[in-house]
PDB file of all heavy atoms in Angstrom:
ATOM      1  N   LEU A   1      61.165  -4.540  18.954  1.00  0.00           N
ATOM      2  CA  LEU A   1      60.450  -5.816  18.862  1.00  0.00           C
ATOM      3  C   LEU A   1      61.267  -6.959  19.462  1.00  0.00           C
ATOM      4  O   LEU A   1      60.713  -7.885  20.051  1.00  0.00           O
ATOM      5  CB  LEU A   1      60.111  -6.135  17.402  1.00  0.00           C
ATOM      6  CG  LEU A   1      59.072  -5.234  16.729  1.00  0.00           C
ATOM      7  CD1 LEU A   1      59.005  -5.538  15.235  1.00  0.00           C
ATOM      8  CD2 LEU A   1      57.700  -5.412  17.375  1.00  0.00           C
ATOM      9  N   ALA A   2      62.587  -6.893  19.279  1.00  0.00           N
ATOM     10  CA  ALA A   2      63.467  -7.958  19.771  1.00  0.00           C
ATOM     11  C   ALA A   2      63.893  -7.722  21.219  1.00  0.00           C
ATOM     12  O   ALA A   2      64.565  -8.570  21.807  1.00  0.00           O
ATOM     13  CB  ALA A   2      64.698  -8.076  18.869  1.00  0.00           C
ATOM     14  N   ASP A   3      63.534  -6.576  21.772  1.00  0.00           N
ATOM     15  CA  ASP A   3      63.890  -6.205  23.145  1.00  0.00           C
ATOM     16  C   ASP A   3      65.403  -6.200  23.371  1.00  0.00           C
ATOM     17  O   ASP A   3      65.916  -6.764  24.326  1.00  0.00           O
ATOM     18  CB  ASP A   3      63.191  -7.121  24.160  1.00  0.00           C
ATOM     19  CG  ASP A   3      63.228  -6.552  25.568  1.00  0.00           C
ATOM     20  OD1 ASP A   3      63.286  -5.311  25.701  1.00  0.00           O
ATOM     21  OD2 ASP A   3      63.231  -7.347  26.531  1.00  0.00           O
ATOM     22  N   ILE A   4      66.102  -5.578  22.408  1.00  0.00           N
ATOM     23  CA  ILE A   4      67.538  -5.354  22.545  1.00  0.00           C
ATOM     24  C   ILE A   4      67.804  -3.876  22.245  1.00  0.00           C
ATOM     25  O   ILE A   4      66.987  -3.223  21.610  1.00  0.00           O
ATOM     26  CB  ILE A   4      68.389  -6.257  21.602  1.00  0.00           C
ATOM     27  CG1 ILE A   4      68.061  -5.995  20.134  1.00  0.00           C
ATOM     28  CG2 ILE A   4      68.209  -7.723  21.951  1.00  0.00           C
ATOM     29  CD1 ILE A   4      68.948  -6.725  19.156  1.00  0.00           C
ATOM     30  N   GLY A   5      68.913  -3.366  22.702  1.00  0.00           N
ATOM     31  CA  GLY A   5      69.234  -1.964  22.452  1.00  0.00           C
ATOM     32  C   GLY A   5      69.519  -1.697  20.984  1.00  0.00           C
ATOM     33  O   GLY A   5      70.077  -2.538  20.282  1.00  0.00           O
ATOM     34  N   ARG A   6      69.108  -0.511  20.509  1.00  0.00           N
ATOM     35  CA  ARG A   6      69.351  -0.176  19.104  1.00  0.00           C
ATOM     36  C   ARG A   6      70.839  -0.111  18.806  1.00  0.00           C
ATOM     37  O   ARG A   6      71.288  -0.544  17.751  1.00  0.00           O
ATOM     38  CB  ARG A   6      68.676   1.146  18.718  1.00  0.00           C
ATOM     39  CG  ARG A   6      68.634   1.324  17.188  1.00  0.00           C
ATOM     40  CD  ARG A   6      68.534   2.752  16.737  1.00  0.00           C
ATOM     41  NE  ARG A   6      69.585   3.610  17.227  1.00  0.00           N
ATOM     42  CZ  ARG A   6      70.843   3.622  16.732  1.00  0.00           C
ATOM     43  NH1 ARG A   6      71.203   2.808  15.768  1.00  0.00           N
ATOM     44  NH2 ARG A   6      71.741   4.441  17.233  1.00  0.00           N
ATOM     45  N   THR A   7      71.628   0.414  19.754  1.00  0.00           N
ATOM     46  CA  THR A   7      73.070   0.491  19.520  1.00  0.00           C
ATOM     47  C   THR A   7      73.682  -0.916  19.473  1.00  0.00           C
ATOM     48  O   THR A   7      74.621  -1.148  18.722  1.00  0.00           O
ATOM     49  CB  THR A   7      73.777   1.345  20.585  1.00  0.00           C
ATOM     50  OG1 THR A   7      73.457   0.853  21.888  1.00  0.00           O
ATOM     51  CG2 THR A   7      73.356   2.803  20.484  1.00  0.00           C
ATOM     52  N   HIS A   8      73.128  -1.840  20.240  1.00  0.00           N
ATOM     53  CA  HIS A   8      73.588  -3.233  20.207  1.00  0.00           C
ATOM     54  C   HIS A   8      73.278  -3.837  18.840  1.00  0.00           C
ATOM     55  O   HIS A   8      74.141  -4.465  18.214  1.00  0.00           O
ATOM     56  CB  HIS A   8      72.914  -4.025  21.330  1.00  0.00           C
ATOM     57  CG  HIS A   8      73.398  -5.427  21.470  1.00  0.00           C
ATOM     58  ND1 HIS A   8      72.867  -6.298  22.380  1.00  0.00           N
ATOM     59  CD2 HIS A   8      74.355  -6.134  20.816  1.00  0.00           C
ATOM     60  CE1 HIS A   8      73.470  -7.474  22.276  1.00  0.00           C
ATOM     61  NE2 HIS A   8      74.373  -7.387  21.331  1.00  0.00           N
ATOM     62  N   LEU A   9      72.049  -3.640  18.348  1.00  0.00           N
ATOM     63  CA  LEU A   9      71.671  -4.145  17.024  1.00  0.00           C
ATOM     64  C   LEU A   9      72.553  -3.523  15.944  1.00  0.00           C
ATOM     65  O   LEU A   9      73.026  -4.224  15.042  1.00  0.00           O
ATOM     66  CB  LEU A   9      70.198  -3.847  16.743  1.00  0.00           C
ATOM     67  CG  LEU A   9      69.710  -4.245  15.347  1.00  0.00           C
ATOM     68  CD1 LEU A   9      69.857  -5.746  15.109  1.00  0.00           C
ATOM     69  CD2 LEU A   9      68.268  -3.806  15.138  1.00  0.00           C
ATOM     70  N   SER A  10      72.793  -2.237  16.052  1.00  0.00           N
ATOM     71  CA  SER A  10      73.640  -1.551  15.075  1.00  0.00           C
ATOM     72  C   SER A  10      75.048  -2.151  15.061  1.00  0.00           C
ATOM     73  O   SER A  10      75.626  -2.386  13.994  1.00  0.00           O
ATOM     74  CB  SER A  10      73.695  -0.057  15.403  1.00  0.00           C
ATOM     75  OG  SER A  10      74.540   0.616  14.499  1.00  0.00           O
ATOM     76  N   ALA A  11      75.601  -2.414  16.241  1.00  0.00           N
ATOM     77  CA  ALA A  11      76.938  -3.020  16.333  1.00  0.00           C
ATOM     78  C   ALA A  11      76.954  -4.424  15.742  1.00  0.00           C
ATOM     79  O   ALA A  11      77.928  -4.818  15.082  1.00  0.00           O
ATOM     80  CB  ALA A  11      77.403  -3.047  17.787  1.00  0.00           C
ATOM     81  N   ILE A  12      75.890  -5.174  15.926  1.00  0.00           N
ATOM     82  CA  ILE A  12      75.787  -6.520  15.330  1.00  0.00           C
ATOM     83  C   ILE A  12      75.770  -6.397  13.812  1.00  0.00           C
ATOM     84  O   ILE A  12      76.501  -7.100  13.110  1.00  0.00           O
ATOM     85  CB  ILE A  12      74.525  -7.253  15.839  1.00  0.00           C
ATOM     86  CG1 ILE A  12      74.677  -7.625  17.320  1.00  0.00           C
ATOM     87  CG2 ILE A  12      74.249  -8.505  14.997  1.00  0.00           C
ATOM     88  CD1 ILE A  12      73.396  -8.121  17.980  1.00  0.00           C
ATOM     89  N   GLU A  13      74.940  -5.503  13.293  1.00  0.00           N
ATOM     90  CA  GLU A  13      74.826  -5.345  11.834  1.00  0.00           C
ATOM     91  C   GLU A  13      76.132  -4.853  11.210  1.00  0.00           C
ATOM     92  O   GLU A  13      76.430  -5.189  10.068  1.00  0.00           O
ATOM     93  CB  GLU A  13      73.672  -4.404  11.483  1.00  0.00           C
ATOM     94  CG  GLU A  13      72.318  -5.032  11.720  1.00  0.00           C
ATOM     95  CD  GLU A  13      71.168  -4.214  11.139  1.00  0.00           C
ATOM     96  OE1 GLU A  13      71.413  -3.156  10.524  1.00  0.00           O
ATOM     97  OE2 GLU A  13      70.019  -4.660  11.286  1.00  0.00           O
ATOM     98  N   ARG A  14      76.906  -4.077  11.941  1.00  0.00           N
ATOM     99  CA  ARG A  14      78.202  -3.601  11.425  1.00  0.00           C
ATOM    100  C   ARG A  14      79.305  -4.648  11.583  1.00  0.00           C
ATOM    101  O   ARG A  14      80.413  -4.446  11.106  1.00  0.00           O
ATOM    102  CB  ARG A  14      78.621  -2.315  12.144  1.00  0.00           C
ATOM    103  CG  ARG A  14      77.809  -1.103  11.775  1.00  0.00           C
ATOM    104  CD  ARG A  14      78.426   0.192  12.287  1.00  0.00           C
ATOM    105  NE  ARG A  14      78.835   0.136  13.672  1.00  0.00           N
ATOM    106  CZ  ARG A  14      78.063   0.436  14.723  1.00  0.00           C
ATOM    107  NH1 ARG A  14      76.817   0.818  14.527  1.00  0.00           N
ATOM    108  NH2 ARG A  14      78.530   0.373  15.957  1.00  0.00           N
ATOM    109  N   GLY A  15      79.000  -5.733  12.263  1.00  0.00           N
ATOM    110  CA  GLY A  15      79.988  -6.788  12.458  1.00  0.00           C
ATOM    111  C   GLY A  15      80.930  -6.520  13.611  1.00  0.00           C
ATOM    112  O   GLY A  15      81.970  -7.167  13.732  1.00  0.00           O
ATOM    113  N   GLU A  16      80.583  -5.585  14.474  1.00  0.00           N
ATOM    114  CA  GLU A  16      81.434  -5.262  15.622  1.00  0.00           C
ATOM    115  C   GLU A  16      81.153  -6.158  16.817  1.00  0.00           C
ATOM    116  O   GLU A  16      81.970  -6.264  17.719  1.00  0.00           O
ATOM    117  CB  GLU A  16      81.238  -3.794  16.012  1.00  0.00           C
ATOM    118  CG  GLU A  16      81.715  -2.836  14.938  1.00  0.00           C
ATOM    119  CD  GLU A  16      81.357  -1.395  15.240  1.00  0.00           C
ATOM    120  OE1 GLU A  16      80.750  -1.114  16.291  1.00  0.00           O
ATOM    121  OE2 GLU A  16      81.683  -0.539  14.401  1.00  0.00           O
ATOM    122  N   ARG A  17      79.971  -6.755  16.836  1.00  0.00           N
ATOM    123  CA  ARG A  17      79.591  -7.679  17.916  1.00  0.00           C
ATOM    124  C   ARG A  17      78.909  -8.886  17.300  1.00  0.00           C
ATOM    125  O   ARG A  17      78.262  -8.775  16.265  1.00  0.00           O
ATOM    126  CB  ARG A  17      78.622  -7.013  18.889  1.00  0.00           C
ATOM    127  CG  ARG A  17      79.231  -5.828  19.612  1.00  0.00           C
ATOM    128  CD  ARG A  17      78.304  -5.270  20.638  1.00  0.00           C
ATOM    129  NE  ARG A  17      78.235  -6.187  21.789  1.00  0.00           N
ATOM    130  CZ  ARG A  17      77.585  -5.923  22.908  1.00  0.00           C
ATOM    131  NH1 ARG A  17      76.924  -4.783  23.032  1.00  0.00           N
ATOM    132  NH2 ARG A  17      77.577  -6.773  23.902  1.00  0.00           N
ATOM    133  N   LYS A  18      79.057 -10.015  17.964  1.00  0.00           N
ATOM    134  CA  LYS A  18      78.358 -11.222  17.536  1.00  0.00           C
ATOM    135  C   LYS A  18      77.169 -11.438  18.463  1.00  0.00           C
ATOM    136  O   LYS A  18      77.303 -11.330  19.679  1.00  0.00           O
ATOM    137  CB  LYS A  18      79.270 -12.448  17.620  1.00  0.00           C
ATOM    138  CG  LYS A  18      80.394 -12.446  16.616  1.00  0.00           C
ATOM    139  CD  LYS A  18      81.248 -13.693  16.788  1.00  0.00           C
ATOM    140  CE  LYS A  18      82.486 -13.633  15.920  1.00  0.00           C
ATOM    141  NZ  LYS A  18      83.392 -14.740  16.188  1.00  0.00           N
ATOM    142  N   PRO A  19      75.995 -11.750  17.884  1.00  0.00           N
ATOM    143  CA  PRO A  19      74.845 -11.986  18.751  1.00  0.00           C
ATOM    144  C   PRO A  19      74.942 -13.336  19.456  1.00  0.00           C
ATOM    145  O   PRO A  19      75.481 -14.293  18.899  1.00  0.00           O
ATOM    146  CB  PRO A  19      73.662 -11.978  17.775  1.00  0.00           C
ATOM    147  CG  PRO A  19      74.247 -12.424  16.470  1.00  0.00           C
ATOM    148  CD  PRO A  19      75.660 -11.882  16.464  1.00  0.00           C
ATOM    149  N   THR A  20      74.434 -13.394  20.670  1.00  0.00           N
ATOM    150  CA  THR A  20      74.294 -14.683  21.341  1.00  0.00           C
ATOM    151  C   THR A  20      73.155 -15.436  20.648  1.00  0.00           C
ATOM    152  O   THR A  20      72.387 -14.851  19.855  1.00  0.00           O
ATOM    153  CB  THR A  20      73.924 -14.501  22.823  1.00  0.00           C
ATOM    154  OG1 THR A  20      72.646 -13.846  22.892  1.00  0.00           O
ATOM    155  CG2 THR A  20      74.979 -13.699  23.576  1.00  0.00           C
ATOM    156  N   LEU A  21      73.026 -16.711  20.943  1.00  0.00           N
ATOM    157  CA  LEU A  21      71.905 -17.471  20.380  1.00  0.00           C
ATOM    158  C   LEU A  21      70.574 -16.862  20.804  1.00  0.00           C
ATOM    159  O   LEU A  21      69.632 -16.791  20.004  1.00  0.00           O
ATOM    160  CB  LEU A  21      71.970 -18.933  20.824  1.00  0.00           C
ATOM    161  CG  LEU A  21      72.968 -19.810  20.079  1.00  0.00           C
ATOM    162  CD1 LEU A  21      73.002 -21.202  20.702  1.00  0.00           C
ATOM    163  CD2 LEU A  21      72.621 -19.902  18.605  1.00  0.00           C
ATOM    164  N   GLU A  22      70.491 -16.432  22.049  1.00  0.00           N
ATOM    165  CA  GLU A  22      69.256 -15.806  22.548  1.00  0.00           C
ATOM    166  C   GLU A  22      68.928 -14.548  21.746  1.00  0.00           C
ATOM    167  O   GLU A  22      67.784 -14.346  21.327  1.00  0.00           O
ATOM    168  CB  GLU A  22      69.408 -15.464  24.033  1.00  0.00           C
ATOM    169  CG  GLU A  22      68.200 -14.750  24.620  1.00  0.00           C
ATOM    170  CD  GLU A  22      66.957 -15.625  24.716  1.00  0.00           C
ATOM    171  OE1 GLU A  22      67.091 -16.852  24.855  1.00  0.00           O
ATOM    172  OE2 GLU A  22      65.847 -15.070  24.637  1.00  0.00           O
ATOM    173  N   THR A  23      69.933 -13.708  21.511  1.00  0.00           N
ATOM    174  CA  THR A  23      69.711 -12.478  20.744  1.00  0.00           C
ATOM    175  C   THR A  23      69.343 -12.793  19.304  1.00  0.00           C
ATOM    176  O   THR A  23      68.439 -12.177  18.739  1.00  0.00           O
ATOM    177  CB  THR A  23      70.962 -11.570  20.804  1.00  0.00           C
ATOM    178  OG1 THR A  23      71.208 -11.231  22.172  1.00  0.00           O
ATOM    179  CG2 THR A  23      70.775 -10.307  19.992  1.00  0.00           C
ATOM    180  N   LEU A  24      70.009 -13.764  18.709  1.00  0.00           N
ATOM    181  CA  LEU A  24      69.681 -14.157  17.339  1.00  0.00           C
ATOM    182  C   LEU A  24      68.246 -14.672  17.252  1.00  0.00           C
ATOM    183  O   LEU A  24      67.515 -14.350  16.320  1.00  0.00           O
ATOM    184  CB  LEU A  24      70.665 -15.214  16.828  1.00  0.00           C
ATOM    185  CG  LEU A  24      70.523 -15.601  15.359  1.00  0.00           C
ATOM    186  CD1 LEU A  24      70.690 -14.393  14.440  1.00  0.00           C
ATOM    187  CD2 LEU A  24      71.517 -16.690  15.002  1.00  0.00           C
ATOM    188  N   TYR A  25      67.840 -15.445  18.255  1.00  0.00           N
ATOM    189  CA  TYR A  25      66.471 -15.945  18.289  1.00  0.00           C
ATOM    190  C   TYR A  25      65.474 -14.787  18.388  1.00  0.00           C
ATOM    191  O   TYR A  25      64.463 -14.763  17.672  1.00  0.00           O
ATOM    192  CB  TYR A  25      66.270 -16.914  19.460  1.00  0.00           C
ATOM    193  CG  TYR A  25      64.850 -17.403  19.563  1.00  0.00           C
ATOM    194  CD1 TYR A  25      64.369 -18.379  18.689  1.00  0.00           C
ATOM    195  CD2 TYR A  25      63.981 -16.869  20.499  1.00  0.00           C
ATOM    196  CE1 TYR A  25      63.057 -18.804  18.754  1.00  0.00           C
ATOM    197  CE2 TYR A  25      62.665 -17.291  20.571  1.00  0.00           C
ATOM    198  CZ  TYR A  25      62.203 -18.259  19.695  1.00  0.00           C
ATOM    199  OH  TYR A  25      60.903 -18.671  19.762  1.00  0.00           O
ATOM    200  N   ARG A  26      65.753 -13.827  19.230  1.00  0.00           N
ATOM    201  CA  ARG A  26      64.860 -12.671  19.381  1.00  0.00           C
ATOM    202  C   ARG A  26      64.746 -11.877  18.084  1.00  0.00           C
ATOM    203  O   ARG A  26      63.665 -11.423  17.705  1.00  0.00           O
ATOM    204  CB  ARG A  26      65.365 -11.750  20.486  1.00  0.00           C
ATOM    205  CG  ARG A  26      65.207 -12.292  21.869  1.00  0.00           C
ATOM    206  CD  ARG A  26      65.804 -11.321  22.856  1.00  0.00           C
ATOM    207  NE  ARG A  26      65.651 -11.784  24.222  1.00  0.00           N
ATOM    208  CZ  ARG A  26      65.752 -10.996  25.264  1.00  0.00           C
ATOM    209  NH1 ARG A  26      66.019  -9.721  25.109  1.00  0.00           N
ATOM    210  NH2 ARG A  26      65.599 -11.481  26.471  1.00  0.00           N
ATOM    211  N   ILE A  27      65.882 -11.691  17.409  1.00  0.00           N
ATOM    212  CA  ILE A  27      65.884 -10.966  16.135  1.00  0.00           C
ATOM    213  C   ILE A  27      65.068 -11.732  15.099  1.00  0.00           C
ATOM    214  O   ILE A  27      64.228 -11.158  14.400  1.00  0.00           O
ATOM    215  CB  ILE A  27      67.328 -10.725  15.644  1.00  0.00           C
ATOM    216  CG1 ILE A  27      68.027  -9.703  16.546  1.00  0.00           C
ATOM    217  CG2 ILE A  27      67.344 -10.260  14.185  1.00  0.00           C
ATOM    218  CD1 ILE A  27      69.534  -9.596  16.327  1.00  0.00           C
ATOM    219  N   ALA A  28      65.312 -13.029  14.990  1.00  0.00           N
ATOM    220  CA  ALA A  28      64.577 -13.853  14.024  1.00  0.00           C
ATOM    221  C   ALA A  28      63.078 -13.810  14.315  1.00  0.00           C
ATOM    222  O   ALA A  28      62.265 -13.630  13.403  1.00  0.00           O
ATOM    223  CB  ALA A  28      65.092 -15.293  14.058  1.00  0.00           C
ATOM    224  N   PHE A  29      62.711 -13.972  15.579  1.00  0.00           N
ATOM    225  CA  PHE A  29      61.302 -13.947  15.966  1.00  0.00           C
ATOM    226  C   PHE A  29      60.672 -12.603  15.613  1.00  0.00           C
ATOM    227  O   PHE A  29      59.569 -12.537  15.067  1.00  0.00           O
ATOM    228  CB  PHE A  29      61.168 -14.242  17.466  1.00  0.00           C
ATOM    229  CG  PHE A  29      59.740 -14.405  17.916  1.00  0.00           C
ATOM    230  CD1 PHE A  29      59.092 -15.614  17.784  1.00  0.00           C
ATOM    231  CD2 PHE A  29      59.059 -13.332  18.485  1.00  0.00           C
ATOM    232  CE1 PHE A  29      57.771 -15.770  18.195  1.00  0.00           C
ATOM    233  CE2 PHE A  29      57.743 -13.472  18.902  1.00  0.00           C
ATOM    234  CZ  PHE A  29      57.095 -14.695  18.755  1.00  0.00           C
ATOM    235  N   ALA A  30      61.379 -11.518  15.899  1.00  0.00           N
ATOM    236  CA  ALA A  30      60.874 -10.176  15.612  1.00  0.00           C
ATOM    237  C   ALA A  30      60.718  -9.943  14.110  1.00  0.00           C
ATOM    238  O   ALA A  30      59.827  -9.201  13.686  1.00  0.00           O
ATOM    239  CB  ALA A  30      61.797  -9.126  16.214  1.00  0.00           C
ATOM    240  N   LEU A  31      61.567 -10.592  13.308  1.00  0.00           N
ATOM    241  CA  LEU A  31      61.487 -10.463  11.852  1.00  0.00           C
ATOM    242  C   LEU A  31      60.522 -11.472  11.231  1.00  0.00           C
ATOM    243  O   LEU A  31      60.314 -11.460  10.020  1.00  0.00           O
ATOM    244  CB  LEU A  31      62.875 -10.645  11.224  1.00  0.00           C
ATOM    245  CG  LEU A  31      63.876  -9.521  11.455  1.00  0.00           C
ATOM    246  CD1 LEU A  31      65.246  -9.926  10.950  1.00  0.00           C
ATOM    247  CD2 LEU A  31      63.403  -8.233  10.777  1.00  0.00           C
ATOM    248  N   ASP A  32      59.979 -12.366  12.071  1.00  0.00           N
ATOM    249  CA  ASP A  32      59.076 -13.414  11.612  1.00  0.00           C
ATOM    250  C   ASP A  32      59.756 -14.332  10.581  1.00  0.00           C
ATOM    251  O   ASP A  32      59.196 -14.652   9.541  1.00  0.00           O
ATOM    252  CB  ASP A  32      57.782 -12.815  11.031  1.00  0.00           C
ATOM    253  CG  ASP A  32      56.690 -13.862  10.859  1.00  0.00           C
ATOM    254  OD1 ASP A  32      56.668 -14.849  11.632  1.00  0.00           O
ATOM    255  OD2 ASP A  32      55.868 -13.702   9.928  1.00  0.00           O
ATOM    256  N   VAL A  33      61.005 -14.699  10.895  1.00  0.00           N
ATOM    257  CA  VAL A  33      61.740 -15.679  10.092  1.00  0.00           C
ATOM    258  C   VAL A  33      62.295 -16.737  11.040  1.00  0.00           C
ATOM    259  O   VAL A  33      62.436 -16.493  12.234  1.00  0.00           O
ATOM    260  CB  VAL A  33      62.895 -15.048   9.272  1.00  0.00           C
ATOM    261  CG1 VAL A  33      62.378 -14.023   8.295  1.00  0.00           C
ATOM    262  CG2 VAL A  33      63.955 -14.438  10.165  1.00  0.00           C
ATOM    263  N   LYS A  34      62.591 -17.890  10.500  1.00  0.00           N
ATOM    264  CA  LYS A  34      63.197 -18.937  11.317  1.00  0.00           C
ATOM    265  C   LYS A  34      64.645 -18.585  11.590  1.00  0.00           C
ATOM    266  O   LYS A  34      65.353 -18.105  10.695  1.00  0.00           O
ATOM    267  CB  LYS A  34      63.158 -20.281  10.587  1.00  0.00           C
ATOM    268  CG  LYS A  34      61.790 -20.855  10.382  1.00  0.00           C
ATOM    269  CD  LYS A  34      61.950 -22.179   9.663  1.00  0.00           C
ATOM    270  CE  LYS A  34      60.633 -22.685   9.148  1.00  0.00           C
ATOM    271  NZ  LYS A  34      60.828 -23.867   8.301  1.00  0.00           N
ATOM    272  N   MET A  35      65.086 -18.844  12.801  1.00  0.00           N
ATOM    273  CA  MET A  35      66.485 -18.627  13.128  1.00  0.00           C
ATOM    274  C   MET A  35      67.358 -19.476  12.204  1.00  0.00           C
ATOM    275  O   MET A  35      68.420 -19.039  11.769  1.00  0.00           O
ATOM    276  CB  MET A  35      66.752 -18.962  14.597  1.00  0.00           C
ATOM    277  CG  MET A  35      68.148 -18.594  15.044  1.00  0.00           C
ATOM    278  SD  MET A  35      68.393 -18.621  16.837  1.00  0.00           S
ATOM    279  CE  MET A  35      68.369 -20.354  17.190  1.00  0.00           C
ATOM    280  N   SER A  36      66.887 -20.671  11.877  1.00  0.00           N
ATOM    281  CA  SER A  36      67.659 -21.564  10.996  1.00  0.00           C
ATOM    282  C   SER A  36      67.849 -20.957   9.607  1.00  0.00           C
ATOM    283  O   SER A  36      68.880 -21.173   8.978  1.00  0.00           O
ATOM    284  CB  SER A  36      66.997 -22.936  10.893  1.00  0.00           C
ATOM    285  OG  SER A  36      65.680 -22.821  10.380  1.00  0.00           O
ATOM    286  N   ASP A  37      66.869 -20.182   9.131  1.00  0.00           N
ATOM    287  CA  ASP A  37      67.024 -19.527   7.825  1.00  0.00           C
ATOM    288  C   ASP A  37      68.162 -18.511   7.847  1.00  0.00           C
ATOM    289  O   ASP A  37      68.912 -18.381   6.878  1.00  0.00           O
ATOM    290  CB  ASP A  37      65.724 -18.841   7.393  1.00  0.00           C
ATOM    291  CG  ASP A  37      64.628 -19.831   7.037  1.00  0.00           C
ATOM    292  OD1 ASP A  37      64.945 -21.017   6.788  1.00  0.00           O
ATOM    293  OD2 ASP A  37      63.453 -19.416   7.002  1.00  0.00           O
ATOM    294  N   ILE A  38      68.291 -17.803   8.955  1.00  0.00           N
ATOM    295  CA  ILE A  38      69.395 -16.852   9.092  1.00  0.00           C
ATOM    296  C   ILE A  38      70.721 -17.609   9.121  1.00  0.00           C
ATOM    297  O   ILE A  38      71.675 -17.240   8.437  1.00  0.00           O
ATOM    298  CB  ILE A  38      69.219 -15.990  10.361  1.00  0.00           C
ATOM    299  CG1 ILE A  38      67.990 -15.084  10.207  1.00  0.00           C
ATOM    300  CG2 ILE A  38      70.475 -15.151  10.635  1.00  0.00           C
ATOM    301  CD1 ILE A  38      67.622 -14.301  11.453  1.00  0.00           C
ATOM    302  N   ILE A  39      70.771 -18.678   9.882  1.00  0.00           N
ATOM    303  CA  ILE A  39      71.997 -19.467  10.004  1.00  0.00           C
ATOM    304  C   ILE A  39      72.381 -20.098   8.671  1.00  0.00           C
ATOM    305  O   ILE A  39      73.554 -20.093   8.286  1.00  0.00           O
ATOM    306  CB  ILE A  39      71.847 -20.528  11.115  1.00  0.00           C
ATOM    307  CG1 ILE A  39      71.743 -19.818  12.470  1.00  0.00           C
ATOM    308  CG2 ILE A  39      73.011 -21.510  11.106  1.00  0.00           C
ATOM    309  CD1 ILE A  39      71.336 -20.697  13.615  1.00  0.00           C
ATOM    310  N   ILE A  40      71.392 -20.615   7.943  1.00  0.00           N
ATOM    311  CA  ILE A  40      71.672 -21.209   6.630  1.00  0.00           C
ATOM    312  C   ILE A  40      72.282 -20.180   5.700  1.00  0.00           C
ATOM    313  O   ILE A  40      73.258 -20.460   4.982  1.00  0.00           O
ATOM    314  CB  ILE A  40      70.394 -21.835   6.033  1.00  0.00           C
ATOM    315  CG1 ILE A  40      70.034 -23.118   6.791  1.00  0.00           C
ATOM    316  CG2 ILE A  40      70.550 -22.107   4.543  1.00  0.00           C
ATOM    317  CD1 ILE A  40      68.639 -23.647   6.505  1.00  0.00           C
ATOM    318  N   GLU A  41      71.736 -18.959   5.710  1.00  0.00           N
ATOM    319  CA  GLU A  41      72.276 -17.899   4.844  1.00  0.00           C
ATOM    320  C   GLU A  41      73.700 -17.526   5.253  1.00  0.00           C
ATOM    321  O   GLU A  41      74.563 -17.317   4.405  1.00  0.00           O
ATOM    322  CB  GLU A  41      71.363 -16.667   4.880  1.00  0.00           C
ATOM    323  CG  GLU A  41      71.775 -15.583   3.913  1.00  0.00           C
ATOM    324  CD  GLU A  41      71.797 -16.020   2.453  1.00  0.00           C
ATOM    325  OE1 GLU A  41      70.977 -16.848   2.040  1.00  0.00           O
ATOM    326  OE2 GLU A  41      72.680 -15.525   1.710  1.00  0.00           O
ATOM    327  N   ILE A  42      73.969 -17.500   6.546  1.00  0.00           N
ATOM    328  CA  ILE A  42      75.326 -17.221   7.027  1.00  0.00           C
ATOM    329  C   ILE A  42      76.265 -18.313   6.545  1.00  0.00           C
ATOM    330  O   ILE A  42      77.352 -18.041   6.029  1.00  0.00           O
ATOM    331  CB  ILE A  42      75.352 -17.112   8.568  1.00  0.00           C
ATOM    332  CG1 ILE A  42      74.612 -15.844   9.021  1.00  0.00           C
ATOM    333  CG2 ILE A  42      76.790 -17.115   9.091  1.00  0.00           C
ATOM    334  CD1 ILE A  42      74.285 -15.815  10.505  1.00  0.00           C
ATOM    335  N   GLU A  43      75.855 -19.577   6.683  1.00  0.00           N
ATOM    336  CA  GLU A  43      76.692 -20.710   6.279  1.00  0.00           C
ATOM    337  C   GLU A  43      76.989 -20.682   4.779  1.00  0.00           C
ATOM    338  O   GLU A  43      78.093 -21.039   4.354  1.00  0.00           O
ATOM    339  CB  GLU A  43      76.042 -22.033   6.656  1.00  0.00           C
ATOM    340  CG  GLU A  43      76.074 -22.287   8.156  1.00  0.00           C
ATOM    341  CD  GLU A  43      75.407 -23.587   8.552  1.00  0.00           C
ATOM    342  OE1 GLU A  43      74.402 -23.984   7.913  1.00  0.00           O
ATOM    343  OE2 GLU A  43      75.897 -24.219   9.492  1.00  0.00           O
ATOM    344  N   LYS A  44      76.029 -20.256   3.965  1.00  0.00           N
ATOM    345  CA  LYS A  44      76.250 -20.170   2.516  1.00  0.00           C
ATOM    346  C   LYS A  44      77.366 -19.193   2.174  1.00  0.00           C
ATOM    347  O   LYS A  44      78.077 -19.371   1.199  1.00  0.00           O
ATOM    348  CB  LYS A  44      74.962 -19.692   1.814  1.00  0.00           C
ATOM    349  CG  LYS A  44      73.903 -20.725   1.671  1.00  0.00           C
ATOM    350  CD  LYS A  44      72.716 -20.111   0.940  1.00  0.00           C
ATOM    351  CE  LYS A  44      71.522 -21.030   0.920  1.00  0.00           C
ATOM    352  NZ  LYS A  44      70.352 -20.369   0.299  1.00  0.00           N
TER     353      LYS A  44
END
């Protein structure tokens, strides 16, 4: 849905890679959540 590689997503989720803003936006859009909601949770 986010048009990124599964291995790339897996590496992001494991903390081995940091997503670019573009990738984070694609993930948020695919999950139907605001990118800002993800960022707020990270900041907390």
